[in-house]
Each structure stands twice: as structure tokens, then as C-alpha cells.
C-alpha atoms as a PDB file:
ATOM      1  CA  MET A   1       4.236 -21.572   4.280  1.00  0.00           C
ATOM      2  CA  SER A   2       6.560 -19.539   6.497  1.00  0.00           C
ATOM      3  CA  LYS A   3       4.946 -16.441   7.927  1.00  0.00           C
ATOM      4  CA  ILE A   4       8.208 -14.481   7.843  1.00  0.00           C
ATOM      5  CA  LEU A   5       7.696 -13.064   4.347  1.00  0.00           C
ATOM      6  CA  ASN A   6       3.969 -12.651   4.974  1.00  0.00           C
ATOM      7  CA  ASN A   7       4.884 -10.297   7.818  1.00  0.00           C
ATOM      8  CA  LYS A   8       6.315  -7.964   5.195  1.00  0.00           C
ATOM      9  CA  LEU A   9       2.849  -7.633   3.664  1.00  0.00           C
ATOM     10  CA  ILE A  10       0.409  -4.930   4.709  1.00  0.00           C
ATOM     11  CA  LEU A  11      -3.230  -5.583   3.816  1.00  0.00           C
ATOM     12  CA  GLY A  12      -5.051  -2.609   2.327  1.00  0.00           C
ATOM     13  CA  THR A  13      -8.699  -2.112   3.250  1.00  0.00           C
ATOM     14  CA  VAL A  14      -9.937   0.414   0.696  1.00  0.00           C
ATOM     15  CA  GLN A  15     -11.979  -2.302  -1.070  1.00  0.00           C
ATOM     16  CA  MET A  16     -13.765  -2.982   2.225  1.00  0.00           C
ATOM     17  CA  GLY A  17     -15.066   0.581   2.347  1.00  0.00           C
ATOM     18  CA  VAL A  18     -15.562   1.601  -1.295  1.00  0.00           C
ATOM     19  CA  ALA A  19     -15.539   0.081  -4.794  1.00  0.00           C
ATOM     20  CA  TYR A  20     -11.952   0.508  -5.942  1.00  0.00           C
ATOM     21  CA  GLY A  21      -9.543  -0.534  -8.689  1.00  0.00           C
ATOM     22  CA  ILE A  22      -9.351  -0.522 -12.485  1.00  0.00           C
ATOM     23  CA  ASN A  23      -9.913  -4.299 -12.566  1.00  0.00           C
ATOM     24  CA  ASN A  24     -12.579  -4.401  -9.854  1.00  0.00           C
ATOM     25  CA  THR A  25     -15.536  -6.484 -11.016  1.00  0.00           C
ATOM     26  CA  ILE A  26     -17.447  -6.971  -7.753  1.00  0.00           C
ATOM     27  CA  GLY A  27     -17.605  -3.493  -6.250  1.00  0.00           C
ATOM     28  CA  LYS A  28     -17.286  -2.968  -2.509  1.00  0.00           C
ATOM     29  CA  VAL A  29     -16.492  -6.130  -0.555  1.00  0.00           C
ATOM     30  CA  THR A  30     -19.309  -7.245   1.749  1.00  0.00           C
ATOM     31  CA  LEU A  31     -18.896  -7.177   5.519  1.00  0.00           C
ATOM     32  CA  GLU A  32     -18.983 -10.976   5.693  1.00  0.00           C
ATOM     33  CA  ASN A  33     -16.324 -11.348   3.005  1.00  0.00           C
ATOM     34  CA  SER A  34     -14.231  -8.575   4.552  1.00  0.00           C
ATOM     35  CA  HIS A  35     -14.195 -10.464   7.848  1.00  0.00           C
ATOM     36  CA  ALA A  36     -13.206 -13.661   6.008  1.00  0.00           C
ATOM     37  CA  ILE A  37     -10.312 -11.821   4.350  1.00  0.00           C
ATOM     38  CA  LEU A  38      -9.170 -10.334   7.663  1.00  0.00           C
ATOM     39  CA  GLU A  39      -9.306 -13.677   9.452  1.00  0.00           C
ATOM     40  CA  TYR A  40      -7.314 -15.412   6.727  1.00  0.00           C
ATOM     41  CA  ALA A  41      -4.767 -12.594   6.713  1.00  0.00           C
ATOM     42  CA  PHE A  42      -4.258 -12.719  10.466  1.00  0.00           C
ATOM     43  CA  ASP A  43      -4.010 -16.513  10.503  1.00  0.00           C
ATOM     44  CA  HIS A  44      -1.331 -16.366   7.776  1.00  0.00           C
ATOM     45  CA  GLY A  45       0.990 -13.898   9.442  1.00  0.00           C
ATOM     46  CA  ILE A  46      -0.139 -10.513   8.136  1.00  0.00           C
ATOM     47  CA  GLN A  47       0.004  -8.154  11.087  1.00  0.00           C
ATOM     48  CA  ILE A  48      -0.676  -4.666   9.709  1.00  0.00           C
ATOM     49  CA  LEU A  49      -3.689  -3.137   7.949  1.00  0.00           C
ATOM     50  CA  ASP A  50      -3.722   0.055   5.909  1.00  0.00           C
ATOM     51  CA  SER A  51      -6.826   2.216   6.003  1.00  0.00           C
ATOM     52  CA  ALA A  52      -7.956   5.842   5.799  1.00  0.00           C
ATOM     53  CA  GLU A  53     -10.824   8.102   6.741  1.00  0.00           C
ATOM     54  CA  ALA A  54     -11.435   8.498   3.005  1.00  0.00           C
ATOM     55  CA  TYR A  55     -12.087   4.751   2.557  1.00  0.00           C
ATOM     56  CA  GLY A  56     -15.822   4.857   3.238  1.00  0.00           C
ATOM     57  CA  ASN A  57     -16.700   2.747   6.278  1.00  0.00           C
ATOM     58  CA  ALA A  58     -13.462   0.697   6.251  1.00  0.00           C
ATOM     59  CA  HIS A  59     -12.657   1.790   9.823  1.00  0.00           C
ATOM     60  CA  ASP A  60     -15.965   0.394  11.038  1.00  0.00           C
ATOM     61  CA  VAL A  61     -15.414  -2.883   9.165  1.00  0.00           C
ATOM     62  CA  ILE A  62     -12.026  -3.334  10.849  1.00  0.00           C
ATOM     63  CA  GLY A  63     -13.491  -2.331  14.200  1.00  0.00           C
ATOM     64  CA  SER A  64     -16.306  -4.844  13.926  1.00  0.00           C
ATOM     65  CA  PHE A  65     -13.779  -7.594  13.150  1.00  0.00           C
ATOM     66  CA  HIS A  66     -11.688  -6.656  16.181  1.00  0.00           C
ATOM     67  CA  LYS A  67     -14.763  -6.548  18.405  1.00  0.00           C
ATOM     68  CA  ASN A  68     -15.815 -10.023  17.241  1.00  0.00           C
ATOM     69  CA  ASN A  69     -12.265 -11.416  17.344  1.00  0.00           C
ATOM     70  CA  PRO A  70     -10.501  -9.897  20.367  1.00  0.00           C
ATOM     71  CA  LYS A  71      -7.580 -12.329  20.066  1.00  0.00           C
ATOM     72  CA  LYS A  72      -6.972 -11.336  16.432  1.00  0.00           C
ATOM     73  CA  THR A  73      -6.170  -7.638  16.629  1.00  0.00           C
ATOM     74  CA  PHE A  74      -4.169  -6.037  13.839  1.00  0.00           C
ATOM     75  CA  GLU A  75      -1.897  -3.045  14.005  1.00  0.00           C
ATOM     76  CA  VAL A  76      -3.580  -0.366  11.901  1.00  0.00           C
ATOM     77  CA  ILE A  77      -2.192   2.427   9.765  1.00  0.00           C
ATOM     78  CA  THR A  78      -4.688   5.089   8.862  1.00  0.00           C
ATOM     79  CA  LYS A  79      -4.572   8.418   7.079  1.00  0.00           C
ATOM     80  CA  LEU A  80      -5.950  11.846   7.714  1.00  0.00           C
ATOM     81  CA  PRO A  81      -8.122  13.166   4.870  1.00  0.00           C
ATOM     82  CA  HIS A  82      -6.512  15.326   2.191  1.00  0.00           C
ATOM     83  CA  GLN A  83      -8.196  18.373   3.744  1.00  0.00           C
ATOM     84  CA  PHE A  84      -9.528  18.688   7.263  1.00  0.00           C
ATOM     85  CA  ASP A  85     -10.429  21.354   9.795  1.00  0.00           C
ATOM     86  CA  ALA A  86     -11.069  19.224  12.869  1.00  0.00           C
ATOM     87  CA  ASP A  87      -8.565  18.878  15.706  1.00  0.00           C
ATOM     88  CA  ILE A  88      -6.134  15.997  15.136  1.00  0.00           C
ATOM     89  CA  ASN A  89      -6.544  14.875  18.754  1.00  0.00           C
ATOM     90  CA  ASP A  90     -10.268  14.457  18.179  1.00  0.00           C
ATOM     91  CA  LYS A  91      -9.675  12.634  14.920  1.00  0.00           C
ATOM     92  CA  VAL A  92      -7.233  10.180  16.493  1.00  0.00           C
ATOM     93  CA  ASN A  93      -9.654   9.446  19.342  1.00  0.00           C
ATOM     94  CA  THR A  94     -12.410   8.836  16.780  1.00  0.00           C
ATOM     95  CA  TYR A  95     -10.163   6.524  14.749  1.00  0.00           C
ATOM     96  CA  LEU A  96      -9.184   4.508  17.829  1.00  0.00           C
ATOM     97  CA  ARG A  97     -12.834   4.091  18.770  1.00  0.00           C
ATOM     98  CA  GLN A  98     -13.888   3.109  15.237  1.00  0.00           C
ATOM     99  CA  LEU A  99     -11.019   0.651  14.798  1.00  0.00           C
ATOM    100  CA  HIS A 100     -11.418  -0.831  18.261  1.00  0.00           C
ATOM    101  CA  VAL A 101      -7.695  -0.471  19.053  1.00  0.00           C
ATOM    102  CA  ASP A 102      -5.698   1.314  21.748  1.00  0.00           C
ATOM    103  CA  GLN A 103      -2.956   2.608  19.457  1.00  0.00           C
ATOM    104  CA  LEU A 104      -2.496   3.445  15.783  1.00  0.00           C
ATOM    105  CA  HIS A 105       0.525   1.760  14.241  1.00  0.00           C
ATOM    106  CA  ALA A 106       0.879   4.936  12.193  1.00  0.00           C
ATOM    107  CA  LEU A 107      -0.998   8.082  11.308  1.00  0.00           C
ATOM    108  CA  LEU A 108      -0.216   9.305   7.801  1.00  0.00           C
ATOM    109  CA  PHE A 109      -0.972  12.431   5.860  1.00  0.00           C
ATOM    110  CA  HIS A 110      -2.895  11.152   2.835  1.00  0.00           C
ATOM    111  CA  SER A 111      -1.041  13.396   0.417  1.00  0.00           C
ATOM    112  CA  PHE A 112       2.027  15.564   0.150  1.00  0.00           C
ATOM    113  CA  GLY A 113      -0.235  18.594  -0.198  1.00  0.00           C
ATOM    114  CA  SER A 114      -1.914  17.803   3.120  1.00  0.00           C
ATOM    115  CA  TYR A 115       1.497  17.256   4.713  1.00  0.00           C
ATOM    116  CA  LYS A 116       2.690  20.662   3.490  1.00  0.00           C
ATOM    117  CA  ALA A 117      -0.463  22.392   4.699  1.00  0.00           C
ATOM    118  CA  ASN A 118      -0.193  20.938   8.208  1.00  0.00           C
ATOM    119  CA  GLN A 119       3.374  21.612   9.308  1.00  0.00           C
ATOM    120  CA  ASP A 120       1.995  23.386  12.395  1.00  0.00           C
ATOM    121  CA  ASN A 121       0.333  20.134  13.503  1.00  0.00           C
ATOM    122  CA  PHE A 122       3.600  18.263  14.007  1.00  0.00           C
ATOM    123  CA  LYS A 123       3.764  19.388  17.639  1.00  0.00           C
ATOM    124  CA  VAL A 124       0.381  17.763  18.216  1.00  0.00           C
ATOM    125  CA  LEU A 125       1.494  14.627  16.397  1.00  0.00           C
ATOM    126  CA  THR A 126       4.670  14.291  18.433  1.00  0.00           C
ATOM    127  CA  ARG A 127       2.617  14.648  21.641  1.00  0.00           C
ATOM    128  CA  LEU A 128       0.237  11.946  20.452  1.00  0.00           C
ATOM    129  CA  LYS A 129       3.246   9.755  19.717  1.00  0.00           C
ATOM    130  CA  ALA A 130       4.695  10.417  23.167  1.00  0.00           C
ATOM    131  CA  SER A 131       1.348   9.543  24.756  1.00  0.00           C
ATOM    132  CA  GLY A 132       1.275   6.184  22.943  1.00  0.00           C
ATOM    133  CA  LYS A 133      -1.855   6.853  20.910  1.00  0.00           C
ATOM    134  CA  ILE A 134       0.144   6.659  17.690  1.00  0.00           C
ATOM    135  CA  LYS A 135       3.343   4.703  17.179  1.00  0.00           C
ATOM    136  CA  HIS A 136       4.639   6.327  13.995  1.00  0.00           C
ATOM    137  CA  ILE A 137       4.063   9.470  11.903  1.00  0.00           C
ATOM    138  CA  GLY A 138       4.084   9.188   8.133  1.00  0.00           C
ATOM    139  CA  VAL A 139       3.321  10.687   4.753  1.00  0.00           C
ATOM    140  CA  SER A 140       1.869   9.177   1.578  1.00  0.00           C
ATOM    141  CA  VAL A 141       3.641  10.582  -1.488  1.00  0.00           C
ATOM    142  CA  TYR A 142       3.853  10.083  -5.263  1.00  0.00           C
ATOM    143  CA  THR A 143       6.974  11.701  -6.658  1.00  0.00           C
ATOM    144  CA  ASN A 144      10.676  11.490  -5.909  1.00  0.00           C
ATOM    145  CA  GLU A 145      10.691  15.262  -5.451  1.00  0.00           C
ATOM    146  CA  GLU A 146       8.108  14.929  -2.686  1.00  0.00           C
ATOM    147  CA  ILE A 147      10.206  12.233  -1.010  1.00  0.00           C
ATOM    148  CA  GLU A 148      13.273  14.487  -1.145  1.00  0.00           C
ATOM    149  CA  GLU A 149      11.425  17.179   0.795  1.00  0.00           C
ATOM    150  CA  VAL A 150       9.920  14.764   3.335  1.00  0.00           C
ATOM    151  CA  LEU A 151      13.405  13.399   4.059  1.00  0.00           C
ATOM    152  CA  LEU A 152      14.262  16.772   5.578  1.00  0.00           C
ATOM    153  CA  ASN A 153      11.721  16.223   8.375  1.00  0.00           C
ATOM    154  CA  ASP A 154      13.150  14.059  11.153  1.00  0.00           C
ATOM    155  CA  ALA A 155       9.689  13.712  12.739  1.00  0.00           C
ATOM    156  CA  VAL A 156       8.477  11.598   9.803  1.00  0.00           C
ATOM    157  CA  ASP A 157       9.029   7.891  10.469  1.00  0.00           C
ATOM    158  CA  ILE A 158       7.259   6.270   7.513  1.00  0.00           C
ATOM    159  CA  ILE A 159       7.142   7.181   3.840  1.00  0.00           C
ATOM    160  CA  GLN A 160       4.533   5.400   1.719  1.00  0.00           C
ATOM    161  CA  LEU A 161       5.036   5.543  -2.037  1.00  0.00           C
ATOM    162  CA  PRO A 162       4.115   3.681  -5.229  1.00  0.00           C
ATOM    163  CA  PHE A 163       6.422   0.893  -6.383  1.00  0.00           C
ATOM    164  CA  ASN A 164       5.727  -1.841  -8.907  1.00  0.00           C
ATOM    165  CA  LEU A 165       6.806  -3.446 -12.176  1.00  0.00           C
ATOM    166  CA  PHE A 166       6.497  -0.089 -13.973  1.00  0.00           C
ATOM    167  CA  ASP A 167       7.171   2.315 -11.102  1.00  0.00           C
ATOM    168  CA  ASN A 168      10.339   0.320 -10.545  1.00  0.00           C
ATOM    169  CA  SER A 169      13.945   0.584  -9.373  1.00  0.00           C
ATOM    170  CA  ASN A 170      14.756   2.385 -12.594  1.00  0.00           C
ATOM    171  CA  LEU A 171      12.656   5.259 -11.211  1.00  0.00           C
ATOM    172  CA  ARG A 172      12.873   4.749  -7.466  1.00  0.00           C
ATOM    173  CA  GLY A 173      16.115   2.937  -6.617  1.00  0.00           C
ATOM    174  CA  GLU A 174      18.271   5.947  -5.827  1.00  0.00           C
ATOM    175  CA  ILE A 175      15.710   7.813  -3.727  1.00  0.00           C
ATOM    176  CA  LEU A 176      14.788   4.645  -1.793  1.00  0.00           C
ATOM    177  CA  ALA A 177      18.431   4.068  -0.883  1.00  0.00           C
ATOM    178  CA  LYS A 178      18.671   7.681   0.257  1.00  0.00           C
ATOM    179  CA  ALA A 179      15.524   7.335   2.405  1.00  0.00           C
ATOM    180  CA  LYS A 180      16.846   4.187   4.072  1.00  0.00           C
ATOM    181  CA  ALA A 181      20.145   5.944   4.775  1.00  0.00           C
ATOM    182  CA  LYS A 182      18.096   8.608   6.589  1.00  0.00           C
ATOM    183  CA  GLY A 183      16.513   5.907   8.766  1.00  0.00           C
ATOM    184  CA  LYS A 184      13.036   6.070   7.229  1.00  0.00           C
ATOM    185  CA  THR A 185      10.718   3.071   7.107  1.00  0.00           C
ATOM    186  CA  ILE A 186       9.561   2.477   3.532  1.00  0.00           C
ATOM    187  CA  HIS A 187       6.084   1.187   2.744  1.00  0.00           C
ATOM    188  CA  THR A 188       5.149   0.732  -0.902  1.00  0.00           C
ATOM    189  CA  ARG A 189       1.693   0.598  -2.452  1.00  0.00           C
ATOM    190  CA  SER A 190       0.305  -0.063  -5.960  1.00  0.00           C
ATOM    191  CA  ALA A 191       2.187  -3.381  -6.241  1.00  0.00           C
ATOM    192  CA  LEU A 192      -0.454  -4.535  -8.724  1.00  0.00           C
ATOM    193  CA  LEU A 193      -1.196  -1.004 -10.023  1.00  0.00           C
ATOM    194  CA  GLN A 194      -4.899  -1.373  -9.178  1.00  0.00           C
ATOM    195  CA  GLY A 195      -5.018  -4.611 -11.197  1.00  0.00           C
ATOM    196  CA  LEU A 196      -3.735  -2.979 -14.392  1.00  0.00           C
ATOM    197  CA  PHE A 197      -1.204  -5.781 -14.918  1.00  0.00           C
ATOM    198  CA  PHE A 198      -4.051  -8.289 -15.215  1.00  0.00           C
ATOM    199  CA  LYS A 199      -5.987  -6.379 -17.884  1.00  0.00           C
ATOM    200  CA  ASP A 200      -6.155  -7.749 -21.421  1.00  0.00           C
ATOM    201  CA  ILE A 201      -3.555  -5.769 -23.378  1.00  0.00           C
ATOM    202  CA  ASN A 202      -6.101  -5.418 -26.197  1.00  0.00           C
ATOM    203  CA  ALA A 203      -8.761  -4.028 -23.874  1.00  0.00           C
ATOM    204  CA  ASP A 204     -10.476  -0.843 -25.014  1.00  0.00           C
ATOM    205  CA  HIS A 205      -9.135   1.198 -22.101  1.00  0.00           C
ATOM    206  CA  LYS A 206      -7.133   4.390 -22.507  1.00  0.00           C
ATOM    207  CA  ILE A 207      -4.468   3.602 -19.884  1.00  0.00           C
ATOM    208  CA  VAL A 208      -4.072   0.023 -21.116  1.00  0.00           C
ATOM    209  CA  GLN A 209      -3.500   1.247 -24.657  1.00  0.00           C
ATOM    210  CA  GLN A 210      -1.060   3.957 -23.571  1.00  0.00           C
ATOM    211  CA  LEU A 211       0.963   1.361 -21.665  1.00  0.00           C
ATOM    212  CA  LYS A 212       0.487  -1.472 -24.142  1.00  0.00           C
ATOM    213  CA  THR A 213       4.194  -1.744 -24.980  1.00  0.00           C
ATOM    214  CA  GLU A 214       5.180  -2.035 -21.319  1.00  0.00           C
ATOM    215  CA  LEU A 215       2.316  -4.440 -20.543  1.00  0.00           C
ATOM    216  CA  THR A 216       3.511  -6.597 -23.421  1.00  0.00           C
ATOM    217  CA  GLN A 217       7.006  -6.615 -21.928  1.00  0.00           C
ATOM    218  CA  ILE A 218       5.631  -7.785 -18.586  1.00  0.00           C
ATOM    219  CA  ALA A 219       3.548 -10.477 -20.261  1.00  0.00           C
ATOM    220  CA  HIS A 220       6.660 -11.691 -22.117  1.00  0.00           C
ATOM    221  CA  ILE A 221       8.684 -11.966 -18.885  1.00  0.00           C
ATOM    222  CA  SER A 222       5.792 -13.791 -17.224  1.00  0.00           C
ATOM    223  CA  GLU A 223       5.266 -16.245 -20.077  1.00  0.00           C
ATOM    224  CA  THR A 224       8.961 -16.871 -20.800  1.00  0.00           C
ATOM    225  CA  ASN A 225       9.701 -17.739 -17.182  1.00  0.00           C
ATOM    226  CA  LYS A 226       6.335 -19.409 -16.512  1.00  0.00           C
ATOM    227  CA  LEU A 227       5.768 -16.969 -13.658  1.00  0.00           C
ATOM    228  CA  PRO A 228       2.177 -15.937 -12.865  1.00  0.00           C
ATOM    229  CA  LEU A 229       1.768 -12.169 -12.950  1.00  0.00           C
ATOM    230  CA  ALA A 230       0.838 -11.952  -9.262  1.00  0.00           C
ATOM    231  CA  GLN A 231       4.015 -13.818  -8.367  1.00  0.00           C
ATOM    232  CA  LEU A 232       6.103 -11.591 -10.599  1.00  0.00           C
ATOM    233  CA  ALA A 233       4.590  -8.351  -9.297  1.00  0.00           C
ATOM    234  CA  LEU A 234       4.609  -9.148  -5.582  1.00  0.00           C
ATOM    235  CA  ASN A 235       8.012 -10.771  -5.388  1.00  0.00           C
ATOM    236  CA  TYR A 236       9.602  -7.953  -7.360  1.00  0.00           C
ATOM    237  CA  CYS A 237       8.533  -5.570  -4.599  1.00  0.00           C
ATOM    238  CA  LEU A 238       9.214  -7.890  -1.661  1.00  0.00           C
ATOM    239  CA  GLN A 239      12.745  -8.671  -2.816  1.00  0.00           C
ATOM    240  CA  GLN A 240      13.803  -5.009  -2.793  1.00  0.00           C
ATOM    241  CA  PRO A 241      16.291  -4.481   0.061  1.00  0.00           C
ATOM    242  CA  SER A 242      15.183  -0.868   0.597  1.00  0.00           C
ATOM    243  CA  ILE A 243      11.500  -1.742   1.052  1.00  0.00           C
ATOM    244  CA  ASP A 244      10.304  -2.654   4.554  1.00  0.00           C
ATOM    245  CA  ASN A 245       6.651  -3.464   3.818  1.00  0.00           C
ATOM    246  CA  VAL A 246       4.514  -3.975   0.730  1.00  0.00           C
ATOM    247  CA  LEU A 247       0.860  -2.976   0.709  1.00  0.00           C
ATOM    248  CA  ILE A 248      -1.610  -5.119  -1.229  1.00  0.00           C
ATOM    249  CA  GLY A 249      -5.372  -4.994  -1.633  1.00  0.00           C
ATOM    250  CA  VAL A 250      -7.726  -7.837  -2.445  1.00  0.00           C
ATOM    251  CA  GLU A 251     -11.390  -8.251  -3.322  1.00  0.00           C
ATOM    252  CA  SER A 252     -11.776 -11.759  -1.878  1.00  0.00           C
ATOM    253  CA  LYS A 253     -10.205 -14.335   0.421  1.00  0.00           C
ATOM    254  CA  GLU A 254      -9.375 -16.359  -2.686  1.00  0.00           C
ATOM    255  CA  GLN A 255      -7.312 -13.476  -4.106  1.00  0.00           C
ATOM    256  CA  LEU A 256      -5.429 -13.221  -0.830  1.00  0.00           C
ATOM    257  CA  GLU A 257      -4.757 -16.968  -0.900  1.00  0.00           C
ATOM    258  CA  ILE A 258      -3.300 -16.632  -4.420  1.00  0.00           C
ATOM    259  CA  ASN A 259      -1.136 -13.685  -3.393  1.00  0.00           C
ATOM    260  CA  ILE A 260       0.246 -15.480  -0.358  1.00  0.00           C
ATOM    261  CA  GLU A 261       0.877 -18.605  -2.422  1.00  0.00           C
ATOM    262  CA  ALA A 262       2.881 -16.439  -4.841  1.00  0.00           C
ATOM    263  CA  LEU A 263       5.379 -15.720  -2.080  1.00  0.00           C
ATOM    264  CA  ARG A 264       6.608 -19.315  -2.131  1.00  0.00           C
ATOM    265  CA  HIS A 265       8.843 -18.441  -5.057  1.00  0.00           C
ATOM    266  CA  THR A 266      11.835 -16.159  -5.581  1.00  0.00           C
ATOM    267  CA  LEU A 267      12.651 -14.162  -8.706  1.00  0.00           C
ATOM    268  CA  SER A 268      16.085 -14.638 -10.229  1.00  0.00           C
ATOM    269  CA  ASN A 269      18.535 -11.770 -10.709  1.00  0.00           C
ATOM    270  CA  ASP A 270      17.860 -11.983 -14.454  1.00  0.00           C
ATOM    271  CA  ASP A 271      14.107 -11.575 -13.853  1.00  0.00           C
ATOM    272  CA  MET A 272      14.722  -8.595 -11.591  1.00  0.00           C
ATOM    273  CA  GLN A 273      17.028  -6.976 -14.142  1.00  0.00           C
ATOM    274  CA  ALA A 274      14.555  -7.496 -16.993  1.00  0.00           C
ATOM    275  CA  ILE A 275      11.916  -5.663 -14.962  1.00  0.00           C
ATOM    276  CA  ASN A 276      14.346  -2.878 -14.030  1.00  0.00           C
ATOM    277  CA  GLU A 277      14.926  -2.222 -17.725  1.00  0.00           C
ATOM    278  CA  ILE A 278      11.247  -1.404 -18.331  1.00  0.00           C
ATOM    279  CA  THR A 279      10.978   2.363 -18.700  1.00  0.00           C
ATOM    280  CA  VAL A 280       7.692   4.270 -18.726  1.00  0.00           C
ATOM    281  CA  LYS A 281       8.390   7.635 -20.296  1.00  0.00           C
ATOM    282  CA  ASP A 282       5.232   9.400 -19.109  1.00  0.00           C
ATOM    283  CA  VAL A 283       5.293   8.792 -15.346  1.00  0.00           C
ATOM    284  CA  ASN A 284       1.879  10.457 -14.994  1.00  0.00           C
ATOM    285  CA  LEU A 285       0.444   7.229 -16.431  1.00  0.00           C
ATOM    286  CA  LEU A 286       1.582   5.496 -13.244  1.00  0.00           C
ATOM    287  CA  ASN A 287      -0.564   7.678 -10.978  1.00  0.00           C
ATOM    288  CA  PRO A 288      -4.085   6.177 -10.724  1.00  0.00           C
ATOM    289  CA  SER A 289      -5.404   9.426  -9.265  1.00  0.00           C
ATOM    290  CA  LEU A 290      -4.812  10.982 -12.696  1.00  0.00           C
ATOM    291  CA  TRP A 291      -6.662   8.242 -14.609  1.00  0.00           C
ATOM    292  CA  ASN A 292      -9.974   9.389 -16.063  1.00  0.00           C
END
């Protein structure tokens, strides 16, 4: 398997620090299994990890892997908490120590609200960037309106946003093209929508039932074209010309193996168009932070 496409993947580490995901059946990944996932990822061309202070002890898990495997060091993106009072310089130094790295690939604001509340900190961030402690500055957002506002800030290098089979080009295509025209690097998350695409469409779950029509559409595309759902979901994101990197999370090395295997295939233009035609009317259903 060529590592070229794998390089477009970013491995999320939230599952290594907390139990996470609508389809999570095992809870928080153990330290031993986390290290196995990280080793497999590195050996198969994944170069960047995504983490956050809010992800439990994920920083320490990554740091312990780096300490034990000094020749297998990832670039790491991490995020400031939604609200914080501490000095950003101190936080960055703490993150570097926890992660066992000399530089952060990127430091992101974990939400648009946090970004808005910390405009005065951009001078500090640009100094940290100039010093080499962070390589890029970014913001994690949800809505197109938030992206529009972030595009006005030339100091922001990376925009991270949801993109998947439901949160698709029908919703995001125009704003993504605009962001690329502004020179922004685009990272997308929620490729598997926290595992929602793998839930039984008859499951007694409020979100599943509210999106049953759209889940049925996805299942039809998958079955008609004999495309496994993971293959459909990941390749849809990876084949978008406006997307630089796609963030995925896994609960086991076996899941990561399946996801990487899915990249062997390419979706046809007809497959891509069928997905683009899926329209979720209530976009709030696509925001896991609003799921109860």
C-alpha cells in the first residue's frame, strides 16, 4: 500500500484519553493498545496526530509513546481548552513536555467561541510561531458562518471543520473553495460521524431515527456498489480537492488496519455525486456536541 494517501490522514487521539463516540463499545483505549495503534499508524505513513487538553490524558499517552520510540515521533496538533485563564506560553511549554516533542505542528482554538474570546492572544501566538514552538495557528469550527469570519484573519493557518457523507459538499463545497482561495489549510473531522454510519438503522437511538432516511440512502449506495461503509466514508473525504487532511479516530489497531485498507479503492464520479445529493435539512443533527 502506498503511503502517499495515508499521509493525508491525521490520527485522532481522543479515544486514547477518554471514552468517546456514539458507536464506542470498549470505552477508553488502554495504554498498551494505544501504543499499538500509534506504532501501526507511524509504520503505515501517518505523520500527524490530533489531540487536545480536553482529551483526558491523551497528551501523556502520546508522550509515553514518543519516549519509548524516539525514532517514531509524530507531528502533533493540539487544542487549547474552550475556556482558560492560564498564560498560553505556559500552556504550550506544558504541552511540549507532555507530548515529548520540540514543536507543535499546530495549536488550535478548540471552538469558535474560544477563538473569539482570545483575539488579544494572537500576538503571543505569532511570537510562539516565530520562536518555532508552534508551526501553525488554527481554529476548530462547526458552521460555514464561523468559517467566513475566520477567513478574515490572516494569522490563522489551519481551519478544522466537520465533513462527511452527510455534512458533505452540498453544505460545504462553496465555503471550502473560498477557504482554499484564501490560502488556508483545511483539516476535516467527523469523517465517520462518531461511528453513526455503522449503527443499525433500526436502532432505538434518537439521532439514528431522526436521520434514518439519510442513513438508508447511504446504506443503499454502499450495497448497490458493494462498497464497505468505511471505504465509502473515508474516500469521499479524501477525494475532495479542497481538503488537505482528513482526521480519523479508531478504538483499535484492527480498526486502523481496516481504514487504511479502505484507501486502496477510489470512488467513481457517480458515487461522489450520489453522496452530494444527500441533504440533511436539520444541520444541528450533524453536530455531535448537541446530541443528548
